[in-house]
Amino acid sequence: MNSVNKVILIGNVGKDPEVRYLEGNVPVCRFPLATSESYKNRSGENVTQTEWHNIVLWRGLAEIAQKFVKKGTPLYIEGRISTRSFDDRDGNKRYITEIVANNMILLGRKPEQQGPDEGKPGTVVETGEPHIPEGPPTQPSDDDLPF
């Protein structure tokens, strides 16, 4: 039987992305992403609960994040949950859960508020070739309908 490991997050970057280059000059980028949920408790007070997620981007996504993402940037992230272990300096085994992203959408400021080197809000970036939709979607004509 097949299984599914898919995560979708919309949140704000907690600190500037850190990019490292591995063997073969392969970039990997890491940063925390905060997601928040607000609700009223029994006393009627508004309560906000924030979760922090460790985001990992590879190759092209890592390079795009290095250019366009900084602390506070709102992002849409799609990916999978991955848990790995490592030994700390004292020799203790530690575990970390990360979101390995394969899709990222830059959210946020309107184009007139951006500098010339900043990303466009709503730009979809996936592993592989980036896709930037051009113009408004077109409606199919009656001839294009299959029935």
N, C-alpha and C. Protein backbone atom coordinates (compact mmCIF):
# COMPACT_ATOMS: atom_id res chain seq x y z
N MET A 1 0.85 -1.19 0.00
CA MET A 1 0.00 0.00 0.00
C MET A 1 0.89 1.24 0.00
N ASN A 2 0.52 2.23 -0.79
CA ASN A 2 1.26 3.49 -0.84
C ASN A 2 0.93 4.34 0.37
N SER A 3 1.79 5.29 0.65
CA SER A 3 1.55 6.21 1.76
C SER A 3 1.77 7.64 1.28
N VAL A 4 1.40 8.59 2.11
CA VAL A 4 1.52 10.01 1.78
C VAL A 4 2.27 10.71 2.89
N ASN A 5 3.25 11.52 2.53
CA ASN A 5 3.98 12.36 3.47
C ASN A 5 4.03 13.74 2.84
N LYS A 6 3.04 14.57 3.13
CA LYS A 6 2.93 15.89 2.52
C LYS A 6 2.57 16.91 3.58
N VAL A 7 3.28 18.04 3.53
CA VAL A 7 3.07 19.12 4.48
C VAL A 7 2.84 20.40 3.69
N ILE A 8 1.87 21.20 4.11
CA ILE A 8 1.64 22.52 3.55
C ILE A 8 1.63 23.52 4.70
N LEU A 9 2.48 24.53 4.59
CA LEU A 9 2.59 25.55 5.64
C LEU A 9 2.53 26.94 5.03
N ILE A 10 1.90 27.86 5.73
CA ILE A 10 1.97 29.28 5.40
C ILE A 10 2.38 29.97 6.68
N GLY A 11 3.50 30.68 6.63
CA GLY A 11 4.00 31.32 7.83
C GLY A 11 5.06 32.36 7.50
N ASN A 12 5.73 32.83 8.55
CA ASN A 12 6.76 33.85 8.42
C ASN A 12 8.11 33.29 8.81
N VAL A 13 9.14 33.68 8.06
CA VAL A 13 10.50 33.23 8.29
C VAL A 13 11.00 33.83 9.61
N GLY A 14 11.58 32.99 10.47
CA GLY A 14 12.02 33.42 11.80
C GLY A 14 13.40 34.05 11.85
N LYS A 15 14.27 33.71 10.91
CA LYS A 15 15.59 34.34 10.83
C LYS A 15 16.11 34.19 9.41
N ASP A 16 17.10 35.00 9.05
CA ASP A 16 17.65 34.95 7.70
C ASP A 16 18.11 33.53 7.37
N PRO A 17 17.83 33.08 6.14
CA PRO A 17 18.24 31.73 5.74
C PRO A 17 19.76 31.57 5.78
N GLU A 18 20.20 30.37 6.17
CA GLU A 18 21.62 30.02 6.18
C GLU A 18 21.85 29.03 5.04
N VAL A 19 22.75 29.39 4.12
CA VAL A 19 23.04 28.53 2.98
C VAL A 19 24.45 27.99 3.12
N ARG A 20 24.58 26.67 2.94
CA ARG A 20 25.89 26.00 2.91
C ARG A 20 26.01 25.27 1.59
N TYR A 21 27.24 25.04 1.21
CA TYR A 21 27.51 24.30 -0.03
C TYR A 21 28.19 22.99 0.33
N LEU A 22 27.60 21.88 -0.14
CA LEU A 22 28.12 20.55 0.13
C LEU A 22 29.02 20.11 -1.01
N GLU A 23 29.48 18.87 -0.95
CA GLU A 23 30.32 18.32 -2.03
C GLU A 23 29.64 18.54 -3.38
N GLY A 24 30.42 18.86 -4.38
CA GLY A 24 29.88 19.09 -5.70
C GLY A 24 29.20 20.44 -5.82
N ASN A 25 29.45 21.34 -4.85
CA ASN A 25 28.88 22.69 -4.86
C ASN A 25 27.35 22.67 -4.81
N VAL A 26 26.76 21.70 -4.09
CA VAL A 26 25.30 21.59 -3.95
C VAL A 26 24.85 22.46 -2.79
N PRO A 27 24.01 23.48 -3.05
CA PRO A 27 23.55 24.35 -1.97
C PRO A 27 22.42 23.73 -1.16
N VAL A 28 22.45 23.95 0.14
CA VAL A 28 21.36 23.56 1.03
C VAL A 28 21.09 24.76 1.94
N CYS A 29 19.82 25.07 2.11
CA CYS A 29 19.40 26.25 2.88
C CYS A 29 18.51 25.80 4.03
N ARG A 30 18.71 26.43 5.20
CA ARG A 30 17.91 26.11 6.38
C ARG A 30 17.43 27.40 7.04
N PHE A 31 16.19 27.38 7.52
CA PHE A 31 15.65 28.50 8.30
C PHE A 31 14.40 28.04 9.05
N PRO A 32 14.07 28.73 10.14
CA PRO A 32 12.83 28.41 10.85
C PRO A 32 11.65 29.16 10.25
N LEU A 33 10.48 28.54 10.27
CA LEU A 33 9.25 29.16 9.80
C LEU A 33 8.22 29.08 10.92
N ALA A 34 7.59 30.21 11.23
CA ALA A 34 6.59 30.25 12.29
C ALA A 34 5.18 30.23 11.69
N THR A 35 4.35 29.36 12.24
CA THR A 35 2.93 29.38 11.91
C THR A 35 2.17 29.65 13.20
N SER A 36 1.10 30.44 13.10
CA SER A 36 0.35 30.83 14.30
C SER A 36 -1.12 30.51 14.16
N GLU A 37 -1.72 30.18 15.28
CA GLU A 37 -3.15 29.91 15.35
C GLU A 37 -3.72 30.75 16.49
N SER A 38 -4.81 31.44 16.22
CA SER A 38 -5.45 32.27 17.25
C SER A 38 -6.82 31.71 17.59
N TYR A 39 -7.16 31.78 18.85
CA TYR A 39 -8.47 31.31 19.30
C TYR A 39 -8.81 32.02 20.60
N LYS A 40 -10.09 31.91 21.01
CA LYS A 40 -10.53 32.46 22.30
C LYS A 40 -10.59 31.33 23.30
N ASN A 41 -10.02 31.56 24.48
CA ASN A 41 -10.07 30.54 25.52
C ASN A 41 -11.41 30.62 26.25
N ARG A 42 -11.58 29.82 27.27
CA ARG A 42 -12.86 29.78 28.01
C ARG A 42 -13.19 31.11 28.68
N SER A 43 -12.17 31.89 28.98
CA SER A 43 -12.38 33.19 29.61
C SER A 43 -12.72 34.27 28.59
N GLY A 44 -12.70 33.93 27.31
CA GLY A 44 -13.00 34.89 26.26
C GLY A 44 -11.80 35.70 25.80
N GLU A 45 -10.61 35.35 26.30
CA GLU A 45 -9.40 36.07 25.90
C GLU A 45 -8.86 35.49 24.60
N ASN A 46 -8.32 36.37 23.74
CA ASN A 46 -7.66 35.90 22.52
C ASN A 46 -6.30 35.31 22.88
N VAL A 47 -6.04 34.11 22.36
CA VAL A 47 -4.78 33.42 22.61
C VAL A 47 -4.17 33.08 21.25
N THR A 48 -2.89 33.34 21.11
CA THR A 48 -2.17 32.97 19.89
C THR A 48 -1.11 31.93 20.23
N GLN A 49 -1.14 30.83 19.50
CA GLN A 49 -0.18 29.75 19.71
C GLN A 49 0.68 29.65 18.45
N THR A 50 1.99 29.72 18.63
CA THR A 50 2.93 29.68 17.51
C THR A 50 3.70 28.37 17.51
N GLU A 51 3.80 27.75 16.34
CA GLU A 51 4.61 26.55 16.13
C GLU A 51 5.79 26.94 15.25
N TRP A 52 6.96 26.37 15.54
CA TRP A 52 8.15 26.62 14.74
C TRP A 52 8.51 25.37 13.97
N HIS A 53 8.82 25.54 12.68
CA HIS A 53 9.14 24.44 11.79
C HIS A 53 10.53 24.68 11.19
N ASN A 54 11.35 23.64 11.15
CA ASN A 54 12.68 23.72 10.54
C ASN A 54 12.54 23.40 9.06
N ILE A 55 12.81 24.40 8.20
CA ILE A 55 12.66 24.25 6.76
C ILE A 55 14.01 23.98 6.12
N VAL A 56 14.05 23.04 5.18
CA VAL A 56 15.27 22.72 4.43
C VAL A 56 14.95 22.82 2.94
N LEU A 57 15.78 23.56 2.22
CA LEU A 57 15.64 23.71 0.77
C LEU A 57 16.94 23.25 0.11
N TRP A 58 16.84 22.60 -1.01
CA TRP A 58 18.01 22.10 -1.72
C TRP A 58 18.11 22.76 -3.09
N ARG A 59 19.31 22.79 -3.61
CA ARG A 59 19.67 23.20 -4.97
C ARG A 59 19.03 24.52 -5.38
N GLY A 60 18.20 24.53 -6.41
CA GLY A 60 17.62 25.76 -6.94
C GLY A 60 16.78 26.53 -5.94
N LEU A 61 16.00 25.80 -5.14
CA LEU A 61 15.20 26.47 -4.12
C LEU A 61 16.09 27.16 -3.09
N ALA A 62 17.20 26.52 -2.75
CA ALA A 62 18.14 27.11 -1.78
C ALA A 62 18.71 28.41 -2.32
N GLU A 63 19.07 28.43 -3.59
CA GLU A 63 19.63 29.64 -4.19
C GLU A 63 18.61 30.76 -4.27
N ILE A 64 17.36 30.43 -4.57
CA ILE A 64 16.30 31.43 -4.64
C ILE A 64 16.03 32.00 -3.25
N ALA A 65 15.99 31.13 -2.24
CA ALA A 65 15.78 31.59 -0.87
C ALA A 65 16.91 32.52 -0.43
N GLN A 66 18.14 32.19 -0.83
CA GLN A 66 19.28 33.02 -0.47
C GLN A 66 19.12 34.43 -1.04
N LYS A 67 18.55 34.55 -2.23
CA LYS A 67 18.39 35.85 -2.88
C LYS A 67 17.19 36.64 -2.37
N PHE A 68 16.05 35.96 -2.15
CA PHE A 68 14.80 36.66 -1.95
C PHE A 68 14.16 36.53 -0.56
N VAL A 69 14.62 35.59 0.26
CA VAL A 69 13.98 35.34 1.56
C VAL A 69 14.83 35.92 2.67
N LYS A 70 14.17 36.58 3.62
CA LYS A 70 14.86 37.09 4.79
C LYS A 70 13.91 37.00 5.98
N LYS A 71 14.41 37.32 7.15
CA LYS A 71 13.60 37.26 8.36
C LYS A 71 12.32 38.07 8.15
N GLY A 72 11.18 37.46 8.50
CA GLY A 72 9.89 38.13 8.39
C GLY A 72 9.17 37.88 7.08
N THR A 73 9.84 37.31 6.08
CA THR A 73 9.21 37.05 4.78
C THR A 73 8.08 36.04 4.94
N PRO A 74 6.87 36.38 4.46
CA PRO A 74 5.80 35.38 4.48
C PRO A 74 5.97 34.40 3.32
N LEU A 75 5.83 33.10 3.61
CA LEU A 75 6.04 32.06 2.61
C LEU A 75 4.95 31.01 2.67
N TYR A 76 4.70 30.41 1.52
CA TYR A 76 3.93 29.18 1.39
C TYR A 76 4.97 28.10 1.11
N ILE A 77 4.96 27.05 1.90
CA ILE A 77 5.90 25.95 1.76
C ILE A 77 5.14 24.65 1.60
N GLU A 78 5.56 23.85 0.62
CA GLU A 78 5.03 22.51 0.43
C GLU A 78 6.21 21.55 0.47
N GLY A 79 6.05 20.44 1.15
CA GLY A 79 7.15 19.49 1.22
C GLY A 79 6.76 18.24 1.97
N ARG A 80 7.78 17.62 2.59
CA ARG A 80 7.56 16.39 3.34
C ARG A 80 8.27 16.47 4.69
N ILE A 81 7.79 15.72 5.65
CA ILE A 81 8.40 15.65 6.97
C ILE A 81 9.56 14.66 6.92
N SER A 82 10.67 15.06 7.50
CA SER A 82 11.84 14.18 7.57
C SER A 82 12.44 14.29 8.96
N THR A 83 12.72 13.16 9.57
CA THR A 83 13.36 13.14 10.88
C THR A 83 14.72 12.48 10.74
N ARG A 84 15.74 13.12 11.30
CA ARG A 84 17.09 12.56 11.23
C ARG A 84 17.71 12.63 12.62
N SER A 85 18.76 11.87 12.82
CA SER A 85 19.45 11.87 14.10
C SER A 85 20.91 12.28 13.90
N PHE A 86 21.50 12.79 14.97
CA PHE A 86 22.92 13.15 14.96
C PHE A 86 23.44 13.06 16.39
N ASP A 87 24.75 13.00 16.54
CA ASP A 87 25.37 12.98 17.86
C ASP A 87 25.85 14.38 18.19
N ASP A 88 25.45 14.90 19.36
CA ASP A 88 25.88 16.24 19.75
C ASP A 88 27.33 16.20 20.25
N ARG A 89 27.84 17.35 20.69
CA ARG A 89 29.23 17.46 21.12
C ARG A 89 29.57 16.56 22.31
N ASP A 90 28.55 16.26 23.12
CA ASP A 90 28.76 15.40 24.29
C ASP A 90 28.56 13.92 23.97
N GLY A 91 28.28 13.61 22.71
CA GLY A 91 28.09 12.22 22.31
C GLY A 91 26.67 11.71 22.49
N ASN A 92 25.74 12.58 22.84
CA ASN A 92 24.33 12.19 23.00
C ASN A 92 23.65 12.18 21.64
N LYS A 93 22.79 11.18 21.43
CA LYS A 93 22.03 11.10 20.18
C LYS A 93 20.87 12.08 20.25
N ARG A 94 20.77 12.94 19.23
CA ARG A 94 19.70 13.94 19.14
C ARG A 94 18.90 13.68 17.86
N TYR A 95 17.64 14.08 17.90
CA TYR A 95 16.76 13.94 16.75
C TYR A 95 16.23 15.31 16.36
N ILE A 96 16.06 15.51 15.06
CA ILE A 96 15.49 16.76 14.58
C ILE A 96 14.47 16.43 13.49
N THR A 97 13.34 17.11 13.54
CA THR A 97 12.30 16.95 12.52
C THR A 97 12.33 18.19 11.64
N GLU A 98 12.38 17.96 10.33
CA GLU A 98 12.49 19.06 9.37
C GLU A 98 11.42 18.91 8.29
N ILE A 99 11.13 20.02 7.64
CA ILE A 99 10.27 20.01 6.48
C ILE A 99 11.18 20.21 5.27
N VAL A 100 11.30 19.19 4.44
CA VAL A 100 12.11 19.28 3.23
C VAL A 100 11.18 19.77 2.12
N ALA A 101 11.38 21.01 1.71
CA ALA A 101 10.46 21.66 0.77
C ALA A 101 10.77 21.29 -0.67
N ASN A 102 9.71 21.13 -1.45
CA ASN A 102 9.86 20.94 -2.90
C ASN A 102 9.08 21.98 -3.68
N ASN A 103 8.42 22.90 -2.96
CA ASN A 103 7.65 23.97 -3.57
C ASN A 103 7.63 25.14 -2.60
N MET A 104 7.80 26.34 -3.13
CA MET A 104 7.79 27.54 -2.29
C MET A 104 7.13 28.66 -3.07
N ILE A 105 6.24 29.40 -2.41
CA ILE A 105 5.64 30.59 -3.01
C ILE A 105 5.98 31.77 -2.11
N LEU A 106 6.57 32.79 -2.71
CA LEU A 106 6.89 34.01 -1.99
C LEU A 106 5.62 34.84 -1.87
N LEU A 107 5.22 35.14 -0.66
CA LEU A 107 4.03 35.94 -0.40
C LEU A 107 4.47 37.32 0.07
N GLY A 108 3.56 38.25 0.18
CA GLY A 108 3.96 39.51 0.80
C GLY A 108 3.68 40.74 0.02
N ARG A 109 4.67 41.62 0.00
CA ARG A 109 4.50 42.98 -0.49
C ARG A 109 4.07 43.03 -1.95
N LYS A 110 3.39 44.13 -2.28
CA LYS A 110 2.97 44.37 -3.64
C LYS A 110 4.16 44.80 -4.48
N PRO A 111 4.13 44.58 -5.80
CA PRO A 111 5.28 44.90 -6.65
C PRO A 111 5.76 46.35 -6.54
N GLU A 112 4.85 47.33 -6.36
CA GLU A 112 5.30 48.72 -6.30
C GLU A 112 6.08 49.02 -5.01
N GLN A 113 6.02 48.14 -4.02
CA GLN A 113 6.74 48.34 -2.77
C GLN A 113 8.09 47.65 -2.77
N GLN A 114 8.44 46.94 -3.84
CA GLN A 114 9.66 46.15 -3.88
C GLN A 114 10.77 46.88 -4.60
N GLY A 115 11.98 46.52 -4.23
CA GLY A 115 13.14 47.02 -4.95
C GLY A 115 13.33 46.20 -6.21
N PRO A 116 14.27 46.58 -7.07
CA PRO A 116 14.46 45.88 -8.34
C PRO A 116 14.96 44.45 -8.20
N ASP A 117 15.59 44.10 -7.07
CA ASP A 117 16.16 42.77 -6.91
C ASP A 117 15.30 41.84 -6.07
N GLU A 118 14.09 42.25 -5.70
CA GLU A 118 13.27 41.43 -4.82
C GLU A 118 12.27 40.60 -5.61
N GLY A 119 11.85 39.46 -5.02
CA GLY A 119 10.92 38.55 -5.69
C GLY A 119 9.52 39.11 -5.76
N LYS A 120 8.75 38.59 -6.69
CA LYS A 120 7.37 39.02 -6.86
C LYS A 120 6.49 38.20 -5.94
N PRO A 121 5.49 38.82 -5.27
CA PRO A 121 4.60 38.02 -4.44
C PRO A 121 3.81 37.06 -5.30
N GLY A 122 3.59 35.89 -4.79
CA GLY A 122 2.84 34.90 -5.51
C GLY A 122 3.66 34.11 -6.51
N THR A 123 4.96 34.34 -6.55
CA THR A 123 5.82 33.59 -7.47
C THR A 123 5.93 32.17 -6.97
N VAL A 124 5.63 31.21 -7.82
CA VAL A 124 5.71 29.81 -7.46
C VAL A 124 7.09 29.30 -7.84
N VAL A 125 7.74 28.65 -6.88
CA VAL A 125 9.06 28.10 -7.16
C VAL A 125 9.06 26.64 -6.74
N GLU A 126 9.36 25.75 -7.67
CA GLU A 126 9.40 24.33 -7.38
C GLU A 126 10.78 23.79 -7.67
N THR A 127 11.03 22.58 -7.16
CA THR A 127 12.28 21.92 -7.51
C THR A 127 12.26 21.72 -9.01
N GLY A 128 13.29 22.08 -9.68
CA GLY A 128 13.33 22.06 -11.14
C GLY A 128 13.23 23.48 -11.66
N GLU A 129 12.57 23.67 -12.77
CA GLU A 129 12.49 24.99 -13.37
C GLU A 129 11.41 25.82 -12.68
N PRO A 130 11.75 27.09 -12.30
CA PRO A 130 10.73 27.97 -11.72
C PRO A 130 9.62 28.25 -12.73
N HIS A 131 8.41 28.42 -12.24
CA HIS A 131 7.28 28.72 -13.08
C HIS A 131 6.66 30.01 -12.59
N ILE A 132 6.61 31.02 -13.46
CA ILE A 132 5.99 32.29 -13.12
C ILE A 132 4.85 32.50 -14.11
N PRO A 133 3.58 32.45 -13.64
CA PRO A 133 2.47 32.64 -14.55
C PRO A 133 2.51 34.04 -15.16
N GLU A 134 2.16 34.14 -16.43
CA GLU A 134 2.15 35.43 -17.11
C GLU A 134 0.73 35.81 -17.44
N GLY A 135 0.28 36.97 -16.97
CA GLY A 135 -1.03 37.50 -17.29
C GLY A 135 -2.15 36.74 -16.61
N PRO A 136 -3.37 37.23 -16.79
CA PRO A 136 -4.53 36.57 -16.17
C PRO A 136 -4.86 35.27 -16.89
N PRO A 137 -5.47 34.33 -16.17
CA PRO A 137 -5.85 33.08 -16.81
C PRO A 137 -6.92 33.33 -17.87
N THR A 138 -6.91 32.56 -18.92
CA THR A 138 -7.90 32.72 -19.98
C THR A 138 -9.03 31.73 -19.78
N GLN A 139 -10.20 32.14 -20.21
CA GLN A 139 -11.38 31.28 -20.11
C GLN A 139 -11.46 30.44 -21.38
N PRO A 140 -11.81 29.15 -21.28
CA PRO A 140 -11.93 28.34 -22.49
C PRO A 140 -13.14 28.77 -23.30
N SER A 141 -13.02 28.72 -24.62
CA SER A 141 -14.16 29.03 -25.47
C SER A 141 -15.02 27.78 -25.54
N ASP A 142 -16.23 27.93 -26.11
CA ASP A 142 -17.14 26.79 -26.24
C ASP A 142 -16.53 25.67 -27.08
N ASP A 143 -15.63 26.03 -28.02
CA ASP A 143 -14.99 25.03 -28.85
C ASP A 143 -13.99 24.18 -28.08
N ASP A 144 -13.47 24.70 -26.96
CA ASP A 144 -12.48 23.99 -26.18
C ASP A 144 -13.08 22.98 -25.20
N LEU A 145 -14.40 23.07 -24.97
CA LEU A 145 -15.04 22.19 -24.00
C LEU A 145 -15.18 20.79 -24.57
N PRO A 146 -14.93 19.76 -23.75
CA PRO A 146 -14.98 18.38 -24.26
C PRO A 146 -16.37 17.81 -24.42
N PHE A 147 -17.42 18.57 -24.17
CA PHE A 147 -18.78 18.02 -24.28
C PHE A 147 -19.68 18.93 -25.06
